[in-house]
Amino acid sequence: MKLRTLLALIAVIVVSSCSKTESPVSTAYQDSILYIGNGTEPKDLDPHTVTGVPESHILMALLEGLVIRHPEGLAPLPGVASSWDISEDGKTYNFHLRDSATWSNGDPVTSKDFVYAWKRMLMPSLGSKYPDMLYDVVNAENFNKGKIDDFSLVGVKSIDDQTLQVSLRNPAPYFIGLLAHYTTRPVHRATIEKYGEIDSLGNQWTRPGNFIGNGPFTLEEWRLNKVIKVKKSPSYWDAERVKLNEIHFFPIDNGTREDRMFRSGQLHVTSTVPLEKIGPYQEQYPNNIKIEPYYGTYYYRFNVKKEPLNNKLVRQAISLSIDRKQIIDKVAKGGQAPAFSFTPPDPNAYYPPTKL
């Protein structure tokens, strides 16, 4: 079956292990260590070059941006920035950074770290996949596309160590939300430049023993295709509220294998639940399966250069013939929402009324 868009709001199914027998997860639980199935092996842990979900999970533990995502999907919460002011015209943001925010080596996190990180992310030579996250910033797009090479013309300034000023081209009410994305997070300049240039790819700064982060955890171990371990950082500004001592991310690129590892007590959490297991899990363990909104758009592409798909009316007819709700209710069964647009439904944003 070919769909224009099958799913726009994908449900993440998280099942918490409930085995009471002695197992790896029960032992880890006693030591406040969390075992997570994390999909494929991360390609890197550079926030300015990676694009994958597995990488994003780990970077959430290692680095913190100006704001962080709300666990229930509401407005972003303060991160390194304890507060911010927005000008009346909606184009100037002043972020006030915490005095207590530090890197894992004890260096203070300052506004200059964000200026450096955003410059790096926007450098054409780095080849970041998400530079458009900052295109609302004055001259960010021009710098990224090589139209200007003077970064001082870009609308991000260090007013003082604790104040970062960002100037936008136009008002963008969604801008704060964009800053929760990992690609806008700071990086430790001295560490990056110790192992290469600002725009070096495959830089060794992301390896255990080298990585200097500002998040709630530090990178302790990375065994290829085995496990990535992060440990609670005592230098994190909000360390008292971090209840876990460690998180172990297991790279598993096979959904059936991950489900088997979960059921055998090797994982506390899995977000990869085979479709055929969702129904039985909901019936047998209703308190241990959690379905939450997850922004993602999955679709099939048409070759619109060949007949009959080069006819817009044919494509519209195919779209109208698909009962999305039936697919969700009878096949997927994971709490997905029918997709009628590439833009996922969001109560705080525009959603087109079309049903094609």
Protein backbone atom coordinates (compact mmCIF):
# COMPACT_ATOMS: atom_id res chain seq x y z
CA MET A 1 0.00 0.00 0.00
CA LYS A 2 1.34 3.40 -0.92
CA LEU A 3 0.40 6.37 1.22
CA ARG A 4 1.10 10.06 0.90
CA THR A 5 1.58 10.13 4.64
CA LEU A 6 0.61 7.27 6.90
CA LEU A 7 1.55 8.70 10.27
CA ALA A 8 2.15 12.21 11.47
CA LEU A 9 1.98 11.72 15.21
CA ILE A 10 3.79 8.50 16.08
CA ALA A 11 3.25 6.88 19.47
CA VAL A 12 6.30 5.86 21.43
CA ILE A 13 5.52 2.68 23.32
CA VAL A 14 7.54 2.29 26.49
CA VAL A 15 7.23 -0.92 28.48
CA SER A 16 8.75 -1.05 31.95
CA SER A 17 10.05 -4.44 33.00
CA CYS A 18 8.09 -6.01 35.82
CA SER A 19 10.02 -9.20 36.44
CA LYS A 20 10.53 -9.94 40.13
CA THR A 21 13.25 -12.54 39.62
CA GLU A 22 16.93 -11.69 39.97
CA SER A 23 18.00 -10.40 36.58
CA PRO A 24 20.32 -7.76 35.10
CA VAL A 25 17.60 -5.12 35.38
CA SER A 26 16.72 -5.92 38.99
CA THR A 27 20.39 -5.75 39.99
CA ALA A 28 20.84 -2.48 38.11
CA TYR A 29 17.70 -1.07 39.72
CA GLN A 30 19.24 -1.49 43.15
CA ASP A 31 22.23 0.57 41.98
CA SER A 32 20.04 3.26 40.34
CA ILE A 33 21.25 2.28 36.87
CA LEU A 34 18.85 2.39 33.91
CA TYR A 35 19.18 -0.01 30.95
CA ILE A 36 17.66 1.33 27.73
CA GLY A 37 17.31 -0.20 24.27
CA ASN A 38 18.53 2.59 21.99
CA GLY A 39 18.12 1.46 18.39
CA THR A 40 21.07 1.50 16.01
CA GLU A 41 24.69 2.23 16.91
CA PRO A 42 25.24 6.01 17.10
CA LYS A 43 27.38 7.42 14.28
CA ASP A 44 28.89 10.06 16.55
CA LEU A 45 28.01 12.26 19.53
CA ASP A 46 28.66 15.63 17.92
CA PRO A 47 25.42 17.61 18.35
CA HIS A 48 26.16 19.70 15.26
CA THR A 49 26.57 16.84 12.80
CA VAL A 50 24.42 13.88 13.89
CA THR A 51 20.79 13.43 12.88
CA GLY A 52 19.60 10.18 14.47
CA VAL A 53 17.19 9.48 17.29
CA PRO A 54 19.67 7.14 19.09
CA GLU A 55 22.21 9.97 19.16
CA SER A 56 19.62 12.44 20.44
CA HIS A 57 18.81 10.22 23.45
CA ILE A 58 22.45 10.20 24.54
CA LEU A 59 23.04 13.88 23.82
CA MET A 60 20.08 14.71 26.05
CA ALA A 61 22.08 13.20 28.90
CA LEU A 62 25.43 14.78 28.00
CA LEU A 63 24.58 18.33 26.91
CA GLU A 64 22.06 20.97 27.95
CA GLY A 65 20.91 23.92 25.87
CA LEU A 66 19.36 27.24 26.79
CA VAL A 67 16.05 25.43 27.28
CA ILE A 68 15.01 21.79 27.67
CA ARG A 69 11.97 19.89 26.50
CA HIS A 70 9.02 19.61 28.85
CA PRO A 71 8.48 15.90 29.70
CA GLU A 72 4.77 16.24 28.93
CA GLY A 73 5.19 18.13 25.67
CA LEU A 74 4.30 21.55 27.02
CA ALA A 75 6.31 24.75 26.58
CA PRO A 76 10.08 24.27 26.95
CA LEU A 77 11.56 24.65 30.43
CA PRO A 78 14.61 26.71 31.45
CA GLY A 79 17.92 24.92 30.96
CA VAL A 80 21.25 26.74 31.05
CA ALA A 81 19.18 29.91 30.72
CA SER A 82 17.28 30.52 33.94
CA SER A 83 15.11 33.13 32.22
CA TRP A 84 14.82 35.26 29.09
CA ASP A 85 13.31 38.54 27.97
CA ILE A 86 11.66 39.21 24.62
CA SER A 87 11.41 42.69 23.10
CA GLU A 88 8.02 44.20 22.31
CA ASP A 89 8.53 43.65 18.58
CA GLY A 90 9.33 39.97 19.22
CA LYS A 91 12.68 40.12 17.46
CA THR A 92 15.24 40.43 20.28
CA TYR A 93 15.80 37.78 22.95
CA ASN A 94 18.05 38.24 25.97
CA PHE A 95 18.87 34.94 27.67
CA HIS A 96 20.13 35.06 31.26
CA LEU A 97 22.45 32.13 31.98
CA ARG A 98 22.83 30.48 35.37
CA ASP A 99 25.92 31.36 37.39
CA SER A 100 25.92 27.75 38.58
CA ALA A 101 26.06 26.16 35.11
CA THR A 102 29.42 24.48 34.53
CA TRP A 103 31.11 22.06 32.17
CA SER A 104 31.99 18.62 33.50
CA ASN A 105 35.61 19.74 33.99
CA GLY A 106 34.49 22.65 36.19
CA ASP A 107 34.75 25.45 33.62
CA PRO A 108 31.81 27.87 33.74
CA VAL A 109 29.29 27.75 30.91
CA THR A 110 29.11 31.25 29.42
CA SER A 111 27.29 33.01 26.62
CA LYS A 112 30.50 32.81 24.57
CA ASP A 113 30.09 29.03 24.49
CA PHE A 114 26.78 29.43 22.69
CA VAL A 115 28.18 31.99 20.25
CA TYR A 116 31.01 29.57 19.42
CA ALA A 117 28.66 26.58 19.13
CA TRP A 118 26.19 28.38 16.87
CA LYS A 119 29.00 29.66 14.67
CA ARG A 120 30.31 26.12 14.37
CA MET A 121 26.90 24.69 13.57
CA LEU A 122 26.36 27.31 10.83
CA MET A 123 29.76 26.94 9.19
CA PRO A 124 29.28 25.65 5.61
CA SER A 125 32.45 23.56 5.94
CA LEU A 126 31.01 21.54 8.84
CA GLY A 127 27.99 20.41 6.84
CA SER A 128 25.47 20.37 9.68
CA LYS A 129 22.15 18.82 8.70
CA TYR A 130 20.04 21.19 10.81
CA PRO A 131 21.43 24.71 10.24
CA ASP A 132 17.93 25.92 9.39
CA MET A 133 17.07 25.59 13.07
CA LEU A 134 18.73 29.00 13.40
CA TYR A 135 17.67 30.57 10.11
CA ASP A 136 15.32 32.92 11.96
CA VAL A 137 18.42 34.57 13.44
CA VAL A 138 19.64 37.63 11.55
CA ASN A 139 22.13 36.62 8.84
CA ALA A 140 22.36 33.00 10.04
CA GLU A 141 21.18 31.68 6.69
CA ASN A 142 23.49 34.02 4.77
CA PHE A 143 26.48 32.84 6.82
CA ASN A 144 25.55 29.17 6.43
CA LYS A 145 25.17 29.52 2.66
CA GLY A 146 28.46 31.36 2.27
CA LYS A 147 26.94 34.70 1.30
CA ILE A 148 28.82 36.37 4.17
CA ASP A 149 31.87 35.15 6.07
CA ASP A 150 31.90 37.61 8.96
CA PHE A 151 30.10 35.92 11.86
CA SER A 152 29.91 39.20 13.77
CA LEU A 153 27.10 40.10 11.35
CA VAL A 154 25.01 37.18 12.61
CA GLY A 155 22.44 38.07 15.26
CA VAL A 156 23.95 36.27 18.24
CA LYS A 157 26.03 38.28 20.71
CA SER A 158 27.68 37.75 24.07
CA ILE A 159 26.67 40.81 26.09
CA ASP A 160 28.50 39.47 29.14
CA ASP A 161 29.30 35.98 30.45
CA GLN A 162 25.74 35.45 31.67
CA THR A 163 23.79 37.26 28.93
CA LEU A 164 23.26 36.00 25.38
CA GLN A 165 21.43 38.29 22.96
CA VAL A 166 19.75 36.85 19.88
CA SER A 167 18.28 39.03 17.12
CA LEU A 168 15.71 37.56 14.74
CA ARG A 169 14.81 38.63 11.21
CA ASN A 170 11.11 38.50 12.05
CA PRO A 171 9.04 37.63 15.10
CA ALA A 172 9.04 33.83 15.56
CA PRO A 173 6.88 32.64 18.48
CA TYR A 174 8.20 29.11 17.94
CA PHE A 175 11.86 30.13 18.35
CA ILE A 176 12.13 29.07 22.00
CA GLY A 177 10.83 25.64 21.03
CA LEU A 178 13.54 25.27 18.39
CA LEU A 179 16.20 25.87 21.03
CA ALA A 180 15.25 22.62 22.75
CA HIS A 181 16.73 20.73 19.78
CA TYR A 182 20.13 19.19 20.44
CA THR A 183 21.78 20.90 17.48
CA THR A 184 21.60 24.27 19.29
CA ARG A 185 23.43 23.03 22.39
CA PRO A 186 26.84 24.39 23.41
CA VAL A 187 30.15 22.60 22.94
CA HIS A 188 33.39 23.01 24.88
CA ARG A 189 35.67 25.07 22.65
CA ALA A 190 39.00 24.15 24.24
CA THR A 191 38.27 20.44 23.91
CA ILE A 192 37.20 20.64 20.27
CA GLU A 193 40.27 22.66 19.32
CA LYS A 194 42.54 20.36 21.31
CA TYR A 195 41.69 17.51 18.95
CA GLY A 196 41.23 19.40 15.67
CA GLU A 197 39.82 22.47 13.98
CA ILE A 198 36.45 24.02 14.72
CA ASP A 199 34.97 22.34 11.64
CA SER A 200 36.85 19.03 11.78
CA LEU A 201 34.66 15.99 11.14
CA GLY A 202 35.20 12.80 13.13
CA ASN A 203 36.93 14.81 15.83
CA GLN A 204 38.08 12.71 18.79
CA TRP A 205 36.56 15.14 21.28
CA THR A 206 33.40 13.00 21.33
CA ARG A 207 35.19 9.92 22.72
CA PRO A 208 35.12 8.74 26.36
CA GLY A 209 37.84 10.47 28.34
CA ASN A 210 37.77 13.43 25.96
CA PHE A 211 34.12 14.50 26.02
CA ILE A 212 33.44 17.60 28.10
CA GLY A 213 29.72 18.23 28.46
CA ASN A 214 27.41 20.37 30.55
CA GLY A 215 24.52 17.95 30.96
CA PRO A 216 23.37 15.84 33.91
CA PHE A 217 25.62 12.92 32.87
CA THR A 218 29.17 12.38 31.62
CA LEU A 219 30.36 9.94 28.96
CA GLU A 220 32.10 7.04 30.70
CA GLU A 221 32.30 4.21 28.19
CA TRP A 222 31.56 3.49 24.53
CA ARG A 223 31.99 -0.10 23.42
CA LEU A 224 31.14 -0.32 19.73
CA ASN A 225 27.91 -2.25 19.10
CA LYS A 226 27.83 -3.23 22.79
CA VAL A 227 26.91 -0.37 25.12
CA ILE A 228 27.33 3.33 25.81
CA LYS A 229 27.48 4.22 29.51
CA VAL A 230 26.91 7.65 31.01
CA LYS A 231 27.42 8.53 34.66
CA LYS A 232 25.81 11.17 36.85
CA SER A 233 27.78 14.42 36.72
CA PRO A 234 28.47 15.98 40.13
CA SER A 235 29.16 19.33 38.43
CA TYR A 236 25.70 19.63 36.84
CA TRP A 237 23.88 22.68 38.21
CA ASP A 238 20.79 20.64 39.16
CA ALA A 239 22.59 17.43 40.20
CA GLU A 240 20.50 17.01 43.37
CA ARG A 241 17.43 16.26 41.29
CA VAL A 242 19.16 13.64 39.13
CA LYS A 243 18.08 10.34 40.70
CA LEU A 244 19.97 7.92 38.44
CA ASN A 245 23.63 7.08 38.94
CA GLU A 246 24.12 5.75 35.43
CA ILE A 247 22.29 5.09 32.15
CA HIS A 248 23.39 2.28 29.85
CA PHE A 249 22.31 2.69 26.22
CA PHE A 250 22.31 -0.60 24.31
CA PRO A 251 22.50 -0.33 20.50
CA ILE A 252 20.02 -2.85 19.10
CA ASP A 253 19.00 -2.55 15.46
CA ASN A 254 16.55 -5.46 15.50
CA GLY A 255 13.13 -4.86 17.02
CA THR A 256 12.44 -8.52 17.71
CA ARG A 257 15.78 -8.92 19.48
CA GLU A 258 15.18 -5.82 21.58
CA ASP A 259 11.74 -7.07 22.59
CA ARG A 260 13.28 -10.41 23.55
CA MET A 261 15.98 -8.68 25.62
CA PHE A 262 13.31 -6.69 27.41
CA ARG A 263 11.20 -9.73 28.21
CA SER A 264 14.25 -11.63 29.49
CA GLY A 265 15.11 -8.88 31.97
CA GLN A 266 18.05 -7.29 30.15
CA LEU A 267 16.37 -3.91 29.58
CA HIS A 268 14.30 -1.65 31.81
CA VAL A 269 12.85 0.28 28.88
CA THR A 270 12.22 -0.38 25.22
CA SER A 271 10.64 1.96 22.72
CA THR A 272 10.68 -0.71 20.01
CA VAL A 273 7.57 -2.83 20.40
CA PRO A 274 6.58 -5.12 17.49
CA LEU A 275 3.13 -4.25 16.15
CA GLU A 276 1.81 -7.72 16.90
CA LYS A 277 2.82 -7.32 20.57
CA ILE A 278 1.12 -3.99 21.25
CA GLY A 279 -2.37 -5.46 21.70
CA PRO A 280 -1.30 -8.33 23.97
CA TYR A 281 0.88 -6.02 26.07
CA GLN A 282 -2.00 -3.58 26.50
CA GLU A 283 -4.23 -6.42 27.67
CA GLN A 284 -1.74 -8.24 29.90
CA TYR A 285 0.32 -5.33 31.25
CA PRO A 286 -1.87 -2.20 30.99
CA ASN A 287 0.12 -0.43 33.72
CA ASN A 288 3.47 -1.17 32.13
CA ILE A 289 2.93 0.09 28.61
CA LYS A 290 2.97 3.82 28.03
CA ILE A 291 1.86 5.54 24.86
CA GLU A 292 2.89 9.15 24.36
CA PRO A 293 2.91 11.57 21.43
CA TYR A 294 6.10 11.60 19.39
CA TYR A 295 6.62 14.00 16.52
CA GLY A 296 7.46 12.11 13.35
CA THR A 297 6.18 11.92 9.79
CA TYR A 298 6.50 8.66 7.87
CA TYR A 299 5.44 8.42 4.25
CA TYR A 300 5.85 6.70 0.89
CA ARG A 301 7.06 8.65 -2.12
CA PHE A 302 5.39 8.50 -5.50
CA ASN A 303 7.30 8.70 -8.76
CA VAL A 304 5.18 11.52 -10.15
CA LYS A 305 7.00 11.53 -13.50
CA LYS A 306 5.37 8.30 -14.67
CA GLU A 307 1.77 7.58 -15.58
CA PRO A 308 -0.69 7.40 -14.00
CA LEU A 309 0.89 8.99 -10.93
CA ASN A 310 1.84 12.11 -12.87
CA ASN A 311 -1.85 12.99 -12.71
CA LYS A 312 -2.68 14.95 -9.57
CA LEU A 313 -6.25 13.66 -9.58
CA VAL A 314 -5.03 10.06 -9.50
CA ARG A 315 -2.84 10.81 -6.50
CA GLN A 316 -5.73 12.54 -4.76
CA ALA A 317 -7.96 9.55 -5.47
CA ILE A 318 -5.41 7.18 -3.92
CA SER A 319 -5.18 9.40 -0.86
CA LEU A 320 -8.96 9.55 -0.49
CA SER A 321 -9.21 5.76 -0.79
CA ILE A 322 -7.02 5.16 2.25
CA ASP A 323 -8.89 4.71 5.52
CA ARG A 324 -6.23 6.02 7.87
CA LYS A 325 -8.30 5.52 10.99
CA GLN A 326 -8.92 1.88 10.07
CA ILE A 327 -5.17 1.33 9.64
CA ILE A 328 -4.47 2.90 13.02
CA ASP A 329 -7.24 1.07 14.88
CA LYS A 330 -6.87 -2.37 13.28
CA VAL A 331 -3.24 -2.59 12.17
CA ALA A 332 -0.92 -0.19 13.98
CA LYS A 333 -2.81 -0.09 17.31
CA GLY A 334 -0.16 2.16 18.85
CA GLY A 335 -2.06 5.38 19.47
CA GLN A 336 -0.96 6.98 16.20
CA ALA A 337 -2.88 9.88 14.67
CA PRO A 338 -4.05 9.94 11.03
CA ALA A 339 -1.84 12.13 8.86
CA PHE A 340 -3.26 14.60 6.39
CA SER A 341 -0.23 16.85 6.29
CA PHE A 342 3.52 16.78 6.77
CA THR A 343 2.90 19.06 9.74
CA PRO A 344 1.99 17.01 12.85
CA PRO A 345 -1.06 18.15 14.82
CA ASP A 346 -0.10 20.59 17.55
CA PRO A 347 -2.52 22.63 19.69
CA ASN A 348 0.01 25.48 19.72
CA ALA A 349 0.58 25.57 15.96
CA TYR A 350 -1.24 25.71 12.65
CA TYR A 351 -2.63 22.48 11.24
CA PRO A 352 -4.12 22.59 7.73
CA PRO A 353 -7.79 21.61 7.47
CA THR A 354 -7.32 19.55 4.29
CA LYS A 355 -8.10 15.84 4.47
CA LEU A 356 -6.15 14.79 1.37
